[in-house]
């Protein structure tokens, strides 16, 4: 390996770490399950807030409909929590033999 200093050494070290991480993922693809499931849950949760806000802004509707609005948000939160816990249990079951 040629003499490296400063930023070139950091790039070489980063490349080595990335190739080692890629090799681990290539050997055990179940490691991708949790990040993918977490990303999907985050997108669903974001959509549950963004879609009503965008539709409300486009139609001029008010977001302060009292108790009914609070109930719908709490149901969305409980649903996303249940989905994440279900996915986490399935993911952790893969590693407990």
N, C-alpha and C. Protein backbone atom coordinates (compact mmCIF):
# COMPACT_ATOMS: atom_id res chain seq x y z
N UNK A 1 0.86 -1.17 0.00
CA UNK A 1 0.00 0.00 0.00
C UNK A 1 0.91 1.24 0.00
N UNK A 2 0.63 2.17 -0.89
CA UNK A 2 1.47 3.38 -0.92
C UNK A 2 1.27 4.23 0.32
N UNK A 3 2.21 5.12 0.53
CA UNK A 3 2.16 6.02 1.68
C UNK A 3 0.96 6.95 1.56
N UNK A 4 0.13 6.97 2.60
CA UNK A 4 -1.08 7.79 2.58
C UNK A 4 -1.12 8.67 3.82
N UNK A 5 -1.54 9.89 3.63
CA UNK A 5 -1.69 10.81 4.76
C UNK A 5 -3.01 11.54 4.64
N UNK A 6 -3.49 12.00 5.79
CA UNK A 6 -4.66 12.87 5.84
C UNK A 6 -5.91 12.27 5.23
N UNK A 7 -6.49 12.99 4.29
CA UNK A 7 -7.79 12.61 3.76
C UNK A 7 -7.73 11.35 2.91
N UNK A 8 -6.59 11.05 2.26
CA UNK A 8 -6.50 9.82 1.46
C UNK A 8 -6.53 8.59 2.36
N UNK A 9 -5.95 8.71 3.55
CA UNK A 9 -5.99 7.60 4.50
C UNK A 9 -7.42 7.38 4.98
N UNK A 10 -8.16 8.46 5.21
CA UNK A 10 -9.56 8.35 5.64
C UNK A 10 -10.42 7.69 4.56
N UNK A 11 -10.17 8.06 3.31
CA UNK A 11 -10.93 7.46 2.21
C UNK A 11 -10.64 5.98 2.11
N UNK A 12 -9.37 5.60 2.23
CA UNK A 12 -9.00 4.19 2.16
C UNK A 12 -9.62 3.40 3.31
N UNK A 13 -9.61 3.97 4.51
CA UNK A 13 -10.19 3.30 5.67
C UNK A 13 -11.71 3.17 5.51
N UNK A 14 -12.34 4.22 5.01
CA UNK A 14 -13.79 4.18 4.78
C UNK A 14 -14.14 3.12 3.74
N UNK A 15 -13.35 3.03 2.69
CA UNK A 15 -13.59 2.03 1.66
C UNK A 15 -13.45 0.62 2.23
N UNK A 16 -12.47 0.42 3.10
CA UNK A 16 -12.30 -0.90 3.73
C UNK A 16 -13.48 -1.26 4.62
N UNK A 17 -13.96 -0.29 5.39
CA UNK A 17 -15.11 -0.54 6.27
C UNK A 17 -16.37 -0.83 5.45
N UNK A 18 -16.56 -0.05 4.38
CA UNK A 18 -17.74 -0.27 3.54
C UNK A 18 -17.71 -1.63 2.85
N UNK A 19 -16.55 -2.05 2.39
CA UNK A 19 -16.48 -3.36 1.74
C UNK A 19 -16.70 -4.49 2.75
N UNK A 20 -16.22 -4.31 3.98
CA UNK A 20 -16.46 -5.33 5.02
C UNK A 20 -17.95 -5.39 5.37
N UNK A 21 -18.60 -4.22 5.48
CA UNK A 21 -20.04 -4.20 5.77
C UNK A 21 -20.83 -4.82 4.64
N UNK A 22 -20.44 -4.53 3.39
CA UNK A 22 -21.14 -5.10 2.25
C UNK A 22 -20.99 -6.63 2.24
N UNK A 23 -19.82 -7.12 2.59
CA UNK A 23 -19.58 -8.57 2.63
C UNK A 23 -20.47 -9.23 3.68
N UNK A 24 -20.62 -8.58 4.84
CA UNK A 24 -21.48 -9.13 5.90
C UNK A 24 -22.93 -9.17 5.43
N UNK A 25 -23.40 -8.08 4.79
CA UNK A 25 -24.77 -8.06 4.28
C UNK A 25 -24.98 -9.08 3.18
N UNK A 26 -23.97 -9.30 2.36
CA UNK A 26 -24.08 -10.28 1.28
C UNK A 26 -24.22 -11.69 1.84
N UNK A 27 -23.55 -11.96 2.97
CA UNK A 27 -23.61 -13.29 3.57
C UNK A 27 -24.90 -13.51 4.36
N UNK A 28 -25.43 -12.48 5.02
CA UNK A 28 -26.62 -12.64 5.86
C UNK A 28 -27.63 -11.54 5.52
N UNK A 29 -28.52 -11.83 4.58
CA UNK A 29 -29.47 -10.83 4.10
C UNK A 29 -30.57 -10.52 5.10
N UNK A 30 -30.73 -11.33 6.15
CA UNK A 30 -31.76 -11.02 7.15
C UNK A 30 -31.41 -9.77 7.96
N UNK A 31 -30.15 -9.34 7.90
CA UNK A 31 -29.77 -8.12 8.60
C UNK A 31 -30.44 -6.89 8.00
N UNK A 32 -30.91 -7.00 6.76
CA UNK A 32 -31.59 -5.88 6.12
C UNK A 32 -33.05 -5.76 6.52
N UNK A 33 -33.59 -6.78 7.18
CA UNK A 33 -35.01 -6.80 7.51
C UNK A 33 -35.41 -5.64 8.43
N UNK A 34 -34.67 -5.41 9.47
CA UNK A 34 -35.04 -4.35 10.42
C UNK A 34 -34.94 -2.95 9.82
N UNK A 35 -33.86 -2.57 9.11
CA UNK A 35 -33.85 -1.24 8.51
C UNK A 35 -34.95 -1.03 7.48
N UNK A 36 -35.26 -2.06 6.70
CA UNK A 36 -36.32 -1.92 5.70
C UNK A 36 -37.67 -1.78 6.38
N UNK A 37 -37.93 -2.59 7.40
CA UNK A 37 -39.20 -2.51 8.12
C UNK A 37 -39.34 -1.18 8.84
N UNK A 38 -38.26 -0.70 9.41
CA UNK A 38 -38.29 0.59 10.10
C UNK A 38 -38.55 1.73 9.12
N UNK A 39 -37.93 1.67 7.96
CA UNK A 39 -38.16 2.70 6.94
C UNK A 39 -39.60 2.70 6.46
N UNK A 40 -40.16 1.50 6.24
CA UNK A 40 -41.55 1.41 5.80
C UNK A 40 -42.50 1.95 6.86
N UNK A 41 -42.24 1.64 8.12
CA UNK A 41 -43.09 2.15 9.20
C UNK A 41 -42.99 3.67 9.31
N UNK A 42 -41.79 4.19 9.13
CA UNK A 42 -41.60 5.63 9.19
C UNK A 42 -42.33 6.33 8.05
N UNK A 43 -42.30 5.73 6.86
CA UNK A 43 -43.02 6.31 5.73
C UNK A 43 -44.53 6.31 5.97
N UNK A 44 -45.05 5.21 6.52
CA UNK A 44 -46.48 5.15 6.82
C UNK A 44 -46.87 6.17 7.88
N UNK A 45 -46.05 6.31 8.89
CA UNK A 45 -46.34 7.28 9.94
C UNK A 45 -46.29 8.71 9.40
N UNK A 46 -45.30 9.00 8.57
CA UNK A 46 -45.20 10.32 7.96
C UNK A 46 -46.39 10.60 7.07
N UNK A 47 -46.80 9.60 6.31
CA UNK A 47 -47.96 9.77 5.43
C UNK A 47 -49.23 10.01 6.23
N UNK A 48 -49.34 9.38 7.41
CA UNK A 48 -50.55 9.56 8.22
C UNK A 48 -50.67 10.99 8.73
N UNK A 49 -49.56 11.70 8.82
CA UNK A 49 -49.61 13.11 9.20
C UNK A 49 -49.65 14.02 7.98
N UNK A 50 -48.90 13.68 6.94
CA UNK A 50 -48.75 14.57 5.80
C UNK A 50 -49.99 14.61 4.92
N UNK A 51 -50.60 13.46 4.65
CA UNK A 51 -51.75 13.42 3.75
C UNK A 51 -52.91 14.25 4.28
N UNK A 52 -53.34 14.09 5.53
CA UNK A 52 -54.43 14.96 6.00
C UNK A 52 -54.05 16.44 6.02
N UNK A 53 -52.80 16.75 6.34
CA UNK A 53 -52.38 18.15 6.37
C UNK A 53 -52.40 18.76 4.97
N UNK A 54 -51.92 18.01 3.99
CA UNK A 54 -51.91 18.50 2.61
C UNK A 54 -53.34 18.63 2.08
N UNK A 55 -54.16 17.61 2.33
CA UNK A 55 -55.56 17.69 1.87
C UNK A 55 -56.29 18.83 2.56
N UNK A 56 -56.02 19.04 3.83
CA UNK A 56 -56.65 20.15 4.55
C UNK A 56 -56.23 21.49 3.99
N UNK A 57 -54.96 21.61 3.62
CA UNK A 57 -54.47 22.87 3.05
C UNK A 57 -55.06 23.12 1.66
N UNK A 58 -55.21 22.05 0.88
CA UNK A 58 -55.75 22.21 -0.47
C UNK A 58 -57.24 22.51 -0.47
N UNK A 59 -57.97 21.91 0.47
CA UNK A 59 -59.42 22.10 0.49
C UNK A 59 -59.85 23.23 1.43
N UNK A 60 -58.94 23.73 2.22
CA UNK A 60 -59.27 24.80 3.16
C UNK A 60 -59.96 24.31 4.41
N UNK A 61 -59.93 23.02 4.64
CA UNK A 61 -60.57 22.45 5.83
C UNK A 61 -59.72 22.75 7.06
N UNK A 62 -60.38 22.79 8.20
CA UNK A 62 -59.70 23.06 9.46
C UNK A 62 -59.24 21.75 10.08
N UNK A 63 -58.06 21.77 10.68
CA UNK A 63 -57.54 20.57 11.34
C UNK A 63 -58.01 20.49 12.79
N UNK A 64 -58.82 21.44 13.24
CA UNK A 64 -59.27 21.45 14.63
C UNK A 64 -60.72 20.99 14.70
N UNK A 65 -60.94 19.74 14.46
CA UNK A 65 -62.29 19.18 14.55
C UNK A 65 -62.53 18.54 15.89
N UNK A 66 -61.81 18.96 16.89
CA UNK A 66 -62.06 18.51 18.25
C UNK A 66 -61.63 17.09 18.52
N UNK A 67 -62.44 16.39 19.27
CA UNK A 67 -62.11 15.06 19.77
C UNK A 67 -61.96 14.04 18.66
N UNK A 68 -62.74 14.17 17.60
CA UNK A 68 -62.66 13.19 16.51
C UNK A 68 -61.28 13.21 15.86
N UNK A 69 -60.68 14.38 15.68
CA UNK A 69 -59.34 14.46 15.10
C UNK A 69 -58.32 13.83 16.02
N UNK A 70 -58.45 14.03 17.32
CA UNK A 70 -57.51 13.45 18.28
C UNK A 70 -57.61 11.93 18.26
N UNK A 71 -58.83 11.40 18.18
CA UNK A 71 -59.00 9.95 18.14
C UNK A 71 -58.35 9.34 16.91
N UNK A 72 -58.52 9.97 15.75
CA UNK A 72 -57.94 9.40 14.53
C UNK A 72 -56.41 9.40 14.60
N UNK A 73 -55.80 10.45 15.17
CA UNK A 73 -54.35 10.47 15.31
C UNK A 73 -53.87 9.42 16.30
N UNK A 74 -54.61 9.21 17.38
CA UNK A 74 -54.18 8.22 18.35
C UNK A 74 -54.28 6.81 17.77
N UNK A 75 -55.31 6.57 16.93
CA UNK A 75 -55.40 5.26 16.28
C UNK A 75 -54.24 5.05 15.31
N UNK A 76 -53.85 6.09 14.60
CA UNK A 76 -52.71 5.97 13.68
C UNK A 76 -51.44 5.67 14.46
N UNK A 77 -51.25 6.32 15.59
CA UNK A 77 -50.07 6.05 16.41
C UNK A 77 -50.04 4.64 16.97
N UNK A 78 -51.20 4.18 17.44
CA UNK A 78 -51.27 2.82 17.98
C UNK A 78 -51.01 1.79 16.88
N UNK A 79 -51.53 2.04 15.67
CA UNK A 79 -51.34 1.10 14.57
C UNK A 79 -49.87 1.02 14.17
N UNK A 80 -49.20 2.16 14.06
CA UNK A 80 -47.78 2.14 13.68
C UNK A 80 -46.94 1.46 14.76
N UNK A 81 -47.30 1.67 16.02
CA UNK A 81 -46.58 1.01 17.11
C UNK A 81 -46.77 -0.49 17.07
N UNK A 82 -47.98 -0.93 16.77
CA UNK A 82 -48.25 -2.38 16.69
C UNK A 82 -47.50 -3.01 15.52
N UNK A 83 -47.43 -2.30 14.41
CA UNK A 83 -46.72 -2.83 13.24
C UNK A 83 -45.23 -2.95 13.55
N UNK A 84 -44.64 -1.92 14.15
CA UNK A 84 -43.22 -1.97 14.47
C UNK A 84 -42.89 -3.07 15.47
N UNK A 85 -43.74 -3.24 16.50
CA UNK A 85 -43.45 -4.28 17.49
C UNK A 85 -43.59 -5.67 16.88
N UNK A 86 -44.55 -5.85 15.98
CA UNK A 86 -44.71 -7.13 15.31
C UNK A 86 -43.49 -7.46 14.45
N UNK A 87 -43.01 -6.47 13.72
CA UNK A 87 -41.83 -6.68 12.88
C UNK A 87 -40.60 -6.95 13.73
N UNK A 88 -40.46 -6.23 14.84
CA UNK A 88 -39.31 -6.44 15.70
C UNK A 88 -39.32 -7.85 16.29
N UNK A 89 -40.52 -8.35 16.70
CA UNK A 89 -40.59 -9.71 17.24
C UNK A 89 -40.19 -10.73 16.19
N UNK A 90 -40.63 -10.56 14.95
CA UNK A 90 -40.25 -11.50 13.90
C UNK A 90 -38.75 -11.44 13.62
N UNK A 91 -38.20 -10.21 13.64
CA UNK A 91 -36.77 -10.05 13.39
C UNK A 91 -35.95 -10.69 14.51
N UNK A 92 -36.35 -10.49 15.77
CA UNK A 92 -35.59 -11.05 16.88
C UNK A 92 -35.74 -12.58 16.94
N UNK A 93 -36.84 -13.10 16.43
CA UNK A 93 -37.03 -14.55 16.40
C UNK A 93 -36.05 -15.21 15.44
N UNK A 94 -35.58 -14.47 14.44
CA UNK A 94 -34.61 -15.02 13.48
C UNK A 94 -33.27 -15.34 14.16
N UNK A 95 -32.96 -14.60 15.23
CA UNK A 95 -31.65 -14.77 15.86
C UNK A 95 -31.69 -15.60 17.13
N UNK A 96 -32.87 -15.90 17.64
CA UNK A 96 -32.94 -16.74 18.83
C UNK A 96 -33.20 -18.18 18.39
N UNK A 97 -32.18 -18.99 18.54
CA UNK A 97 -32.26 -20.37 18.05
C UNK A 97 -32.62 -21.31 19.19
